[in-house]
Structures are given as structure tokens and as C-alpha cells.
Amino acid sequence: MWHQAWTWFRESLTLNQWIAKSTSETVRKDGAAGLTVGVMLIPQAMAYAVIAGLPPIYGLYGALVPLLIYPIFGTSRQLAIGPQALDMLILAAGLAAVTQAGTGEYVAMAIIVTAMVGILQIAMGAMQLGFVANLLSRPVITGLTSAAALIISFSQLGGLLGVDLGNSQYVHVVFWRALQHLGEVHLLSLGIGATGIALLLLLPRWVPAVPEALVVVALATAASYAFSFEGRGVAVVGAIPEGLPPITLPTLNLSTLNTLLPAAFTLALVQFMKNVSLGRVFATRHGYTIDANRELVGLGAANFVGSFFSSIPVSGSFSRSAVNDQTGAQTPLANWFTAGVIALTLLFLTPLFYYLPLPALAAIIIVAGIGLIDLHELRSLFKARRRDGYIALFTAACTLLIGIQEGILLGIGASLVAVLYRISRPNV
């Protein structure tokens, strides 16, 4: 048994394969790509932790150890690992039914979910269940992502307006609360957020080479310090712990596992589907193949090991992977360089983020959420097969009106029904 386990573990390793092919030129390109993505990841990781209802520091924790683990097992050369907006939304929805955001128990539960996600993904990889990537079809992913984009953006409406609107995964609930509190809008907070959104939209057109999110964070923090935004009623990030994440052991018990299992399973499945889909894009572009079962092991190991270092769930990022590819990443080594940037930030730079206004983080999240909406993909689904377009719209509607996990399940169900209907009426 132990011999079989060791053989499976050794066969799952991909580290030796890409290290053997590395040259000084590939290392240089990986370094440039990793440093670029690292600078981009700092504000994104902090902002995405806020989506999950967690302190920003846990976003940086999630951007460290998992990035060191994934390249040991993963098969994608361009995939950039780290906290993802959609993952954080699913995590927040799962935890909201269990405990109150902002408490120590909430943080502990988030780390437990990370460990559970990792265990599930490793187990699926060991059982050769990579084929389940076909369950979450393209229409379901499109519908889920579009609905999630709206939920993510509306979840930050309170931060943008400087008003406490509470936590809800339902867009109509947040919108109604915002209307009820219009008279309480903090104008300075709204001005900071609106300026941040404008810069995030315009900077990529004016200076494409500059990481716009980092510029917004730097300018907002400097202005907050210079003009005492905190004293004028603007919410700021506040003190962030310095140093590398502590080693912790997730405290697991049977009742907690049963309560969190639906959220963990949903997250494990969605993460894997996104990773495989995204990995296949870059594999096709660069002429290599990815192994779905090894991707499960790589992603699972990143989440499981990361949970011992206070990490939140991580997976491949659409935007950062694109930047990773554009800046010349040749191997998964780029993730190690990105982790180096995060480590330096944790060791030396966290005090600089004390005065970072929360409306600026809200602006980053809102723009990132809007960027997930892909109308071109929806049009192409209707053009290729109208049925797929309706499945995407059905999934999006269920996610918005019923819930995230329910939307995913109903979307998968609709997709399977469509397949069965097509099989039952063969062309003769």
C-alpha cells in the first residue's frame, strides 16, 4: 500500500520535468513575468479577501505558500495561482450560513474550508476523476461567471458609498438597502471610490504597461495619509500584521465538516473546472497538453498545504494568467517569483497599507467584477447553439435569484437535460 502511494506521489510530481528544461533564458523570462504578476497581485489579493468578509492580510497569506506548492505538481506553464474573486464569493456564501463575518470563528472556518477543498481535490486526482471537468459545461461557466460578476460588484456598493449595507449574495437585496440609505452616503468615500474606478478604467488605455490597481492603491494611500481621510470619516484598512503567516493547524470536527462540506465541494469543483479550462487555453496556444488529474493534485496540494499557513482558497486567475503569458512566462517557476514579491511585502511593506481607504479597495473589486462579464462569449453561445445560450442565461438567473451553489447545480442539471434530450432525438 505504501509502495503504491509513494509511486502515485512520485508520478504526480512535475517539478523535475520543467526544471530539467529550464535555461538561463527561461528563468529570466519567468522572473520578469513573476515580478509583474506579483506587483499586480498585491492589491488584488487584499481586495479579494474583503469579498470573502476576511481581513485583507489573508489575501496576502493566500498569495504566498500555495504559489510555492502548485508548480511542484501542476502541469500548466502559464497559470498564475492565487486568490480569485469568484472563489471568494462562493466562500462567503458558504460561510454566511454558518457564522458571522468579522469574527475569529469566521476566519477559522475559512481556513478549514481551504483544507477541505484541498483534500477533496487531491482525492479526486488520486481517483483519476479529471473527467468531471466535462460536467461544468461552457454555458454553465459563462452564466455563473456573469452572475458572479454582478454579485461581486454589488457586494462592494456599501464600501463605495461609505454606508454599512450588511452582507448579502442577492443583488436585489443590496440594491434595495442602498436605496434606503441614500441619505447616509459619505460623499468623500464616494468621491474616492469613483476616482478609483475612473483611473482603473482609463489607465490601461493611457499607459497599458502600468499595473493600474497598484497605482490606485498607491495614490489613494498617499492621499489618505496627507489629507487625514480617516479623521474625516473614511474607513481605512488599519493595522496589518507584519511578517510571514504563522503555522496553524485547522481544527476539524465532524459537525463542522458536515456543515461546511457543501461549500467546500462546490468550491473544489468550480476551481478545478476553471483551472482546466484556463490551462487548456494556454496549452493550445503554446503547443503542449495539461493533465486534468495532475491539475487536481496540484491545486489540491496548494490549498491543503496553504491552509497550514492561514491561506484562503486559491486557484488560477484569468487576468493574472493572461499577464503572466504576455510577459513571457515559460514554466511554473514564475509563480515562485510572484510568491517572492508577496513575501517581501509581508516582511517589510504591510505598515504602508494602514491608510489605504476601503473605498479604493471597493473600486478595485467592482472593476474586477465588471471585467468578468463576457457578452461576446454569450453572443457566441447563442450563435453556435441557441440552446447553450439559454442554459447560460438560466444559470445566471438561478445564481442571482436563488443562490450561488443552487445556481451551479441547476445549471449542471439543465446542461445534462439538454444532452439527454439531444441523445433521445438522433439525426436519421
Protein backbone atom coordinates (compact mmCIF):
# COMPACT_ATOMS: atom_id res chain seq x y z
CA MET A 1 0.00 0.00 0.00
CA TRP A 2 2.74 2.43 0.99
CA HIS A 3 4.68 1.49 -2.11
CA GLN A 4 1.65 2.26 -4.30
CA ALA A 5 1.09 5.57 -2.51
CA TRP A 6 4.74 6.57 -2.98
CA THR A 7 4.62 5.56 -6.66
CA TRP A 8 1.49 7.65 -7.20
CA PHE A 9 3.07 10.62 -5.39
CA ARG A 10 6.28 10.38 -7.43
CA GLU A 11 4.33 10.13 -10.70
CA SER A 12 2.30 13.20 -9.72
CA LEU A 13 5.41 15.37 -9.46
CA THR A 14 6.08 17.65 -12.42
CA LEU A 15 8.83 19.70 -10.78
CA ASN A 16 11.67 17.63 -12.26
CA GLN A 17 10.20 17.85 -15.75
CA TRP A 18 10.17 21.64 -16.06
CA ILE A 19 13.37 22.18 -14.04
CA ALA A 20 15.22 19.86 -16.44
CA LYS A 21 14.12 22.04 -19.38
CA SER A 22 14.91 25.37 -17.68
CA THR A 23 17.69 27.56 -19.05
CA SER A 24 19.03 30.95 -18.04
CA GLU A 25 16.76 32.48 -20.71
CA THR A 26 13.58 30.77 -19.42
CA VAL A 27 14.46 31.71 -15.84
CA ARG A 28 14.92 35.34 -16.89
CA LYS A 29 11.55 35.37 -18.64
CA ASP A 30 9.85 33.62 -15.73
CA GLY A 31 11.39 36.15 -13.36
CA ALA A 32 10.12 39.11 -15.35
CA ALA A 33 6.63 37.59 -15.60
CA GLY A 34 6.53 36.59 -11.93
CA LEU A 35 7.60 40.03 -10.69
CA THR A 36 4.99 41.73 -12.90
CA VAL A 37 2.21 39.45 -11.69
CA GLY A 38 3.40 39.88 -8.09
CA VAL A 39 3.01 43.65 -8.26
CA MET A 40 -0.44 43.15 -9.76
CA LEU A 41 -1.40 40.56 -7.13
CA ILE A 42 -0.71 42.67 -4.02
CA PRO A 43 -3.79 44.93 -4.28
CA GLN A 44 -5.93 42.20 -5.86
CA ALA A 45 -5.24 39.68 -3.08
CA MET A 46 -6.13 42.21 -0.40
CA ALA A 47 -9.29 43.25 -2.24
CA TYR A 48 -10.44 39.68 -2.88
CA ALA A 49 -10.11 38.79 0.81
CA VAL A 50 -12.57 41.60 1.50
CA ILE A 51 -15.10 39.93 -0.84
CA ALA A 52 -14.99 36.86 1.42
CA GLY A 53 -15.55 39.03 4.51
CA LEU A 54 -11.97 38.48 5.71
CA PRO A 55 -9.24 40.97 6.75
CA PRO A 56 -7.04 41.96 3.75
CA ILE A 57 -3.96 40.27 5.22
CA TYR A 58 -5.45 36.83 4.50
CA GLY A 59 -5.41 37.64 0.79
CA LEU A 60 -1.65 38.11 1.01
CA TYR A 61 -1.32 34.88 3.02
CA GLY A 62 -3.19 33.08 0.23
CA ALA A 63 -0.77 34.53 -2.31
CA LEU A 64 2.33 33.03 -0.71
CA VAL A 65 2.64 29.32 0.20
CA PRO A 66 0.13 27.98 -2.38
CA LEU A 67 2.19 29.62 -5.14
CA LEU A 68 5.22 27.65 -3.95
CA ILE A 69 3.32 24.34 -3.92
CA TYR A 70 1.37 24.38 -7.20
CA PRO A 71 4.47 24.30 -9.52
CA ILE A 72 5.59 21.05 -7.86
CA PHE A 73 2.54 19.18 -9.18
CA GLY A 74 0.75 21.41 -11.72
CA THR A 75 1.06 20.92 -15.47
CA SER A 76 0.17 24.39 -16.78
CA ARG A 77 3.17 26.57 -17.59
CA GLN A 78 1.38 29.91 -17.69
CA LEU A 79 -1.27 29.57 -14.97
CA ALA A 80 -0.95 32.21 -12.24
CA ILE A 81 -2.25 30.89 -8.91
CA GLY A 82 -3.74 32.99 -6.12
CA PRO A 83 -6.98 34.32 -4.59
CA GLN A 84 -9.81 34.69 -7.11
CA ALA A 85 -12.93 36.86 -6.94
CA LEU A 86 -15.38 34.06 -7.86
CA ASP A 87 -13.83 31.70 -5.29
CA MET A 88 -14.18 34.32 -2.57
CA LEU A 89 -17.82 34.84 -3.46
CA ILE A 90 -18.56 31.10 -3.13
CA LEU A 91 -16.59 31.02 0.16
CA ALA A 92 -18.55 33.97 1.57
CA ALA A 93 -21.88 32.39 0.57
CA GLY A 94 -20.92 29.13 2.27
CA LEU A 95 -19.68 30.73 5.48
CA ALA A 96 -22.58 33.19 5.79
CA ALA A 97 -24.94 30.32 6.66
CA VAL A 98 -22.62 29.11 9.43
CA THR A 99 -21.13 32.06 11.29
CA GLN A 100 -20.92 35.84 11.44
CA ALA A 101 -18.37 37.67 9.26
CA GLY A 102 -15.69 39.63 11.10
CA THR A 103 -15.27 37.14 13.94
CA GLY A 104 -12.34 34.89 14.76
CA GLU A 105 -14.56 31.87 14.18
CA TYR A 106 -15.32 33.12 10.66
CA VAL A 107 -11.60 33.30 9.83
CA ALA A 108 -11.02 29.83 11.30
CA MET A 109 -13.91 28.43 9.24
CA ALA A 110 -12.46 29.96 6.06
CA ILE A 111 -9.13 28.22 6.68
CA ILE A 112 -10.93 24.93 7.42
CA VAL A 113 -12.78 25.22 4.09
CA THR A 114 -9.40 25.74 2.38
CA ALA A 115 -8.10 22.50 3.89
CA MET A 116 -11.28 20.62 2.94
CA VAL A 117 -11.11 21.92 -0.64
CA GLY A 118 -7.51 20.71 -0.87
CA ILE A 119 -8.35 17.25 0.50
CA LEU A 120 -11.28 16.86 -1.90
CA GLN A 121 -9.20 17.89 -4.92
CA ILE A 122 -6.29 15.60 -4.03
CA ALA A 123 -8.72 12.69 -3.50
CA MET A 124 -10.39 13.37 -6.86
CA GLY A 125 -6.98 13.44 -8.55
CA ALA A 126 -5.92 10.19 -6.87
CA MET A 127 -9.13 8.53 -8.09
CA GLN A 128 -8.50 9.77 -11.65
CA LEU A 129 -11.67 11.88 -11.69
CA GLY A 130 -10.31 14.53 -14.02
CA PHE A 131 -13.07 13.72 -16.48
CA VAL A 132 -15.58 15.54 -14.22
CA ALA A 133 -14.29 18.73 -15.82
CA ASN A 134 -16.81 17.98 -18.55
CA LEU A 135 -19.73 18.26 -16.10
CA LEU A 136 -19.45 22.04 -15.81
CA SER A 137 -20.04 22.91 -19.43
CA ARG A 138 -19.11 26.14 -21.17
CA PRO A 139 -22.65 27.61 -20.91
CA VAL A 140 -22.77 26.91 -17.16
CA ILE A 141 -19.38 28.57 -16.60
CA THR A 142 -20.45 31.57 -18.69
CA GLY A 143 -23.73 32.00 -16.82
CA LEU A 144 -22.11 31.51 -13.40
CA THR A 145 -19.31 33.96 -14.13
CA SER A 146 -21.66 36.66 -15.44
CA ALA A 147 -23.95 36.37 -12.42
CA ALA A 148 -20.97 36.31 -10.06
CA ALA A 149 -19.66 39.50 -11.68
CA LEU A 150 -22.85 41.34 -10.69
CA ILE A 151 -22.89 39.86 -7.18
CA ILE A 152 -19.22 40.78 -6.62
CA SER A 153 -19.72 44.34 -7.85
CA PHE A 154 -22.88 44.95 -5.80
CA SER A 155 -21.28 43.44 -2.69
CA GLN A 156 -18.94 46.45 -2.63
CA LEU A 157 -21.65 49.08 -3.00
CA GLY A 158 -21.61 49.77 0.74
CA GLY A 159 -17.84 50.32 0.75
CA LEU A 160 -18.13 52.62 -2.24
CA LEU A 161 -20.88 54.72 -0.64
CA GLY A 162 -19.37 54.70 2.85
CA VAL A 163 -22.51 53.04 4.24
CA ASP A 164 -22.95 49.72 6.05
CA LEU A 165 -25.33 47.70 3.87
CA GLY A 166 -24.66 44.35 5.53
CA ASN A 167 -23.70 41.17 3.71
CA SER A 168 -25.92 39.54 1.09
CA GLN A 169 -25.32 37.45 -2.03
CA TYR A 170 -28.55 38.77 -3.58
CA VAL A 171 -28.15 41.78 -5.87
CA HIS A 172 -31.74 42.98 -5.41
CA VAL A 173 -31.38 42.96 -1.61
CA VAL A 174 -28.17 45.05 -1.69
CA PHE A 175 -29.70 47.46 -4.22
CA TRP A 176 -32.83 47.96 -2.09
CA ARG A 177 -30.73 48.57 1.03
CA ALA A 178 -28.65 51.14 -0.87
CA LEU A 179 -31.81 53.00 -1.89
CA GLN A 180 -32.98 53.03 1.73
CA HIS A 181 -29.67 54.56 2.90
CA LEU A 182 -29.13 57.12 0.15
CA GLY A 183 -29.36 59.94 2.68
CA GLU A 184 -26.41 58.50 4.61
CA VAL A 185 -23.95 58.38 1.71
CA HIS A 186 -20.47 59.61 2.72
CA LEU A 187 -19.54 61.94 -0.13
CA LEU A 188 -15.76 61.81 0.40
CA SER A 189 -15.82 57.99 0.34
CA LEU A 190 -17.94 58.06 -2.81
CA GLY A 191 -15.51 60.53 -4.42
CA ILE A 192 -12.51 58.31 -3.60
CA GLY A 193 -14.25 55.24 -4.99
CA ALA A 194 -15.47 56.99 -8.13
CA THR A 195 -11.98 58.40 -8.80
CA GLY A 196 -10.52 54.91 -8.31
CA ILE A 197 -12.97 53.40 -10.80
CA ALA A 198 -12.19 56.12 -13.35
CA LEU A 199 -8.43 55.52 -13.02
CA LEU A 200 -8.83 51.74 -13.25
CA LEU A 201 -10.77 52.12 -16.50
CA LEU A 202 -8.63 54.84 -18.08
CA LEU A 203 -5.06 53.89 -17.11
CA PRO A 204 -4.99 50.70 -19.23
CA ARG A 205 -5.79 52.89 -22.27
CA TRP A 206 -3.32 55.63 -21.43
CA VAL A 207 -0.38 53.58 -20.06
CA PRO A 208 -1.04 49.85 -20.65
CA ALA A 209 2.30 48.78 -19.15
CA VAL A 210 1.46 50.19 -15.70
CA PRO A 211 -0.44 47.99 -13.16
CA GLU A 212 -3.47 50.20 -12.67
CA ALA A 213 -4.63 48.60 -9.41
CA LEU A 214 -1.27 49.26 -7.76
CA VAL A 215 -1.36 52.89 -8.96
CA VAL A 216 -4.81 53.36 -7.42
CA VAL A 217 -3.66 51.80 -4.13
CA ALA A 218 -0.52 53.97 -4.01
CA LEU A 219 -2.32 57.23 -4.85
CA ALA A 220 -5.26 56.55 -2.52
CA THR A 221 -2.96 55.61 0.38
CA ALA A 222 -0.76 58.69 -0.13
CA ALA A 223 -3.79 60.99 -0.32
CA SER A 224 -5.33 59.35 2.75
CA TYR A 225 -2.16 59.95 4.76
CA ALA A 226 -1.67 63.51 3.50
CA PHE A 227 -5.26 64.68 3.99
CA SER A 228 -6.21 62.56 7.05
CA PHE A 229 -9.07 60.70 5.38
CA GLU A 230 -9.51 58.52 8.48
CA GLY A 231 -10.26 61.59 10.60
CA ARG A 232 -12.85 62.69 8.05
CA GLY A 233 -14.91 59.54 8.35
CA VAL A 234 -13.39 57.43 5.56
CA ALA A 235 -12.90 53.77 6.51
CA VAL A 236 -9.29 52.60 6.11
CA VAL A 237 -7.65 49.17 6.17
CA GLY A 238 -5.95 49.85 9.51
CA ALA A 239 -3.11 47.90 11.10
CA ILE A 240 -1.97 44.84 9.13
CA PRO A 241 0.17 42.19 10.87
CA GLU A 242 3.80 42.17 9.78
CA GLY A 243 5.76 39.06 8.92
CA LEU A 244 5.17 35.74 7.23
CA PRO A 245 2.00 33.79 8.05
CA PRO A 246 2.14 31.68 11.21
CA ILE A 247 1.92 27.91 11.00
CA THR A 248 -1.52 26.83 12.20
CA LEU A 249 -3.39 23.53 12.36
CA PRO A 250 -7.00 23.74 11.13
CA THR A 251 -9.23 22.42 13.93
CA LEU A 252 -11.54 19.89 12.29
CA ASN A 253 -14.54 18.24 13.94
CA LEU A 254 -17.35 16.17 12.46
CA SER A 255 -20.13 18.74 12.89
CA THR A 256 -18.02 21.49 11.30
CA LEU A 257 -17.10 19.23 8.39
CA ASN A 258 -20.74 18.33 7.73
CA THR A 259 -21.80 21.97 7.81
CA LEU A 260 -19.03 23.21 5.52
CA LEU A 261 -18.93 20.26 3.12
CA PRO A 262 -21.41 21.68 0.53
CA ALA A 263 -19.42 24.92 0.23
CA ALA A 264 -16.10 23.05 0.10
CA PHE A 265 -17.33 20.61 -2.56
CA THR A 266 -18.78 23.42 -4.70
CA LEU A 267 -15.57 25.40 -4.41
CA ALA A 268 -13.37 22.37 -5.18
CA LEU A 269 -15.38 21.58 -8.30
CA VAL A 270 -15.63 25.15 -9.63
CA GLN A 271 -11.93 25.83 -9.01
CA PHE A 272 -10.93 22.70 -10.87
CA MET A 273 -13.19 23.44 -13.83
CA LYS A 274 -11.80 26.97 -14.14
CA ASN A 275 -8.21 25.75 -13.83
CA VAL A 276 -8.59 23.11 -16.52
CA SER A 277 -10.48 25.43 -18.87
CA LEU A 278 -7.94 28.21 -18.45
CA GLY A 279 -4.98 25.84 -18.60
CA ARG A 280 -6.20 24.35 -21.87
CA VAL A 281 -6.31 27.81 -23.45
CA PHE A 282 -2.59 28.40 -22.82
CA ALA A 283 -1.66 24.77 -23.56
CA THR A 284 -3.28 25.02 -27.00
CA ARG A 285 -1.61 28.37 -27.64
CA HIS A 286 1.88 27.07 -26.79
CA GLY A 287 1.59 23.53 -28.13
CA TYR A 288 1.59 21.32 -25.04
CA THR A 289 -1.02 19.38 -23.07
CA ILE A 290 -2.18 19.53 -19.48
CA ASP A 291 -3.17 16.56 -17.34
CA ALA A 292 -6.54 17.11 -15.62
CA ASN A 293 -5.77 14.63 -12.83
CA ARG A 294 -2.41 16.23 -12.06
CA GLU A 295 -4.09 19.64 -12.09
CA LEU A 296 -6.43 18.34 -9.40
CA VAL A 297 -3.48 17.19 -7.31
CA GLY A 298 -1.54 20.41 -7.87
CA LEU A 299 -4.45 22.66 -6.97
CA GLY A 300 -5.42 20.45 -4.05
CA ALA A 301 -1.90 20.40 -2.66
CA ALA A 302 -1.68 24.19 -2.96
CA ASN A 303 -4.91 24.61 -0.99
CA PHE A 304 -4.21 21.91 1.60
CA VAL A 305 -0.63 22.92 2.42
CA GLY A 306 -1.60 26.59 2.25
CA SER A 307 -4.27 26.05 4.94
CA PHE A 308 -1.49 25.35 7.45
CA PHE A 309 -0.20 28.86 6.73
CA SER A 310 -3.54 30.70 7.13
CA SER A 311 -4.24 30.65 3.39
CA ILE A 312 -7.68 31.19 1.88
CA PRO A 313 -8.77 29.09 -1.15
CA VAL A 314 -6.74 29.74 -4.32
CA SER A 315 -6.98 28.83 -7.99
CA GLY A 316 -5.88 30.07 -11.41
CA SER A 317 -6.66 33.70 -12.24
CA PHE A 318 -7.95 34.73 -15.67
CA SER A 319 -6.42 38.21 -15.67
CA ARG A 320 -3.11 37.39 -13.96
CA SER A 321 -2.56 34.29 -16.11
CA ALA A 322 -3.02 36.45 -19.22
CA VAL A 323 -0.43 38.91 -17.90
CA ASN A 324 1.85 36.02 -16.99
CA ASP A 325 1.64 34.76 -20.57
CA GLN A 326 2.03 38.18 -22.17
CA THR A 327 5.15 38.97 -20.14
CA GLY A 328 6.83 35.74 -21.26
CA ALA A 329 6.30 33.06 -18.60
CA GLN A 330 7.81 29.78 -19.80
CA THR A 331 7.39 27.47 -16.78
CA PRO A 332 5.50 27.36 -13.44
CA LEU A 333 8.65 28.91 -11.90
CA ALA A 334 7.00 32.31 -12.48
CA ASN A 335 4.71 31.53 -9.52
CA TRP A 336 7.76 31.28 -7.24
CA PHE A 337 8.93 34.74 -8.26
CA THR A 338 5.42 36.06 -7.60
CA ALA A 339 5.49 34.46 -4.14
CA GLY A 340 8.83 36.21 -3.54
CA VAL A 341 7.20 39.59 -4.17
CA ILE A 342 4.43 38.74 -1.70
CA ALA A 343 6.96 37.55 0.92
CA LEU A 344 8.88 40.84 0.70
CA THR A 345 5.60 42.74 1.02
CA LEU A 346 4.63 40.80 4.15
CA LEU A 347 8.05 41.28 5.72
CA PHE A 348 8.59 44.97 5.01
CA LEU A 349 5.66 46.77 3.37
CA THR A 350 2.47 45.98 5.33
CA PRO A 351 2.71 49.16 7.51
CA LEU A 352 2.36 51.22 4.31
CA PHE A 353 -1.19 49.91 3.80
CA TYR A 354 -2.58 51.25 7.11
CA TYR A 355 -4.07 54.37 5.49
CA LEU A 356 -5.41 52.59 2.39
CA PRO A 357 -9.08 53.71 2.06
CA LEU A 358 -11.61 50.90 1.82
CA PRO A 359 -13.49 52.75 -0.99
CA ALA A 360 -10.34 52.35 -3.12
CA LEU A 361 -10.39 48.58 -2.50
CA ALA A 362 -14.11 48.58 -3.32
CA ALA A 363 -13.31 50.30 -6.63
CA ILE A 364 -10.74 47.60 -7.50
CA ILE A 365 -13.25 44.84 -6.71
CA ILE A 366 -16.08 46.49 -8.68
CA VAL A 367 -13.93 46.93 -11.80
CA ALA A 368 -12.62 43.36 -11.47
CA GLY A 369 -16.19 42.11 -11.17
CA ILE A 370 -17.40 44.03 -14.21
CA GLY A 371 -14.44 42.61 -16.14
CA LEU A 372 -15.80 39.08 -15.60
CA ILE A 373 -18.89 39.81 -17.71
CA ASP A 374 -18.24 38.42 -21.18
CA LEU A 375 -21.04 39.47 -23.54
CA HIS A 376 -19.02 38.28 -26.53
CA GLU A 377 -18.98 34.75 -25.10
CA LEU A 378 -22.74 34.88 -24.51
CA ARG A 379 -23.36 36.02 -28.08
CA SER A 380 -21.14 33.28 -29.45
CA LEU A 381 -23.09 30.67 -27.44
CA PHE A 382 -26.37 31.84 -28.98
CA LYS A 383 -24.75 31.91 -32.40
CA ALA A 384 -23.25 28.42 -32.16
CA ARG A 385 -26.21 26.70 -30.48
CA ARG A 386 -29.17 28.69 -29.16
CA ARG A 387 -29.85 26.05 -26.51
CA ASP A 388 -26.46 26.72 -24.88
CA GLY A 389 -27.19 30.42 -24.72
CA TYR A 390 -30.43 29.77 -22.86
CA ILE A 391 -28.62 27.43 -20.43
CA ALA A 392 -26.14 30.24 -19.69
CA LEU A 393 -28.98 32.70 -19.04
CA PHE A 394 -30.81 30.13 -16.90
CA THR A 395 -27.69 29.51 -14.80
CA ALA A 396 -27.13 33.25 -14.36
CA ALA A 397 -30.75 33.85 -13.33
CA CYS A 398 -30.74 30.97 -10.81
CA THR A 399 -27.45 32.17 -9.33
CA LEU A 400 -28.76 35.72 -8.92
CA LEU A 401 -32.21 34.86 -7.59
CA ILE A 402 -31.77 31.58 -5.68
CA GLY A 403 -28.12 31.30 -4.66
CA ILE A 404 -24.62 30.53 -5.92
CA GLN A 405 -24.45 26.82 -5.08
CA GLU A 406 -28.04 26.29 -6.20
CA GLY A 407 -27.34 28.14 -9.46
CA ILE A 408 -24.38 25.88 -10.21
CA LEU A 409 -26.36 22.70 -9.52
CA LEU A 410 -29.37 23.84 -11.54
CA GLY A 411 -27.10 24.90 -14.40
CA ILE A 412 -25.43 21.48 -14.44
CA GLY A 413 -28.86 19.87 -14.30
CA ALA A 414 -30.11 21.94 -17.24
CA SER A 415 -26.99 21.07 -19.21
CA LEU A 416 -27.45 17.33 -18.56
CA VAL A 417 -31.14 17.50 -19.52
CA ALA A 418 -30.17 19.22 -22.78
CA VAL A 419 -27.65 16.47 -23.52
CA LEU A 420 -30.19 13.72 -22.77
CA TYR A 421 -32.79 15.44 -24.95
CA ARG A 422 -30.32 15.66 -27.82
CA ILE A 423 -29.35 11.97 -27.44
CA SER A 424 -33.01 10.91 -27.39
CA ARG A 425 -33.63 12.61 -30.76
CA PRO A 426 -30.79 11.39 -33.02
CA ASN A 427 -30.44 12.56 -36.58
CA VAL A 428 -31.52 9.82 -39.02
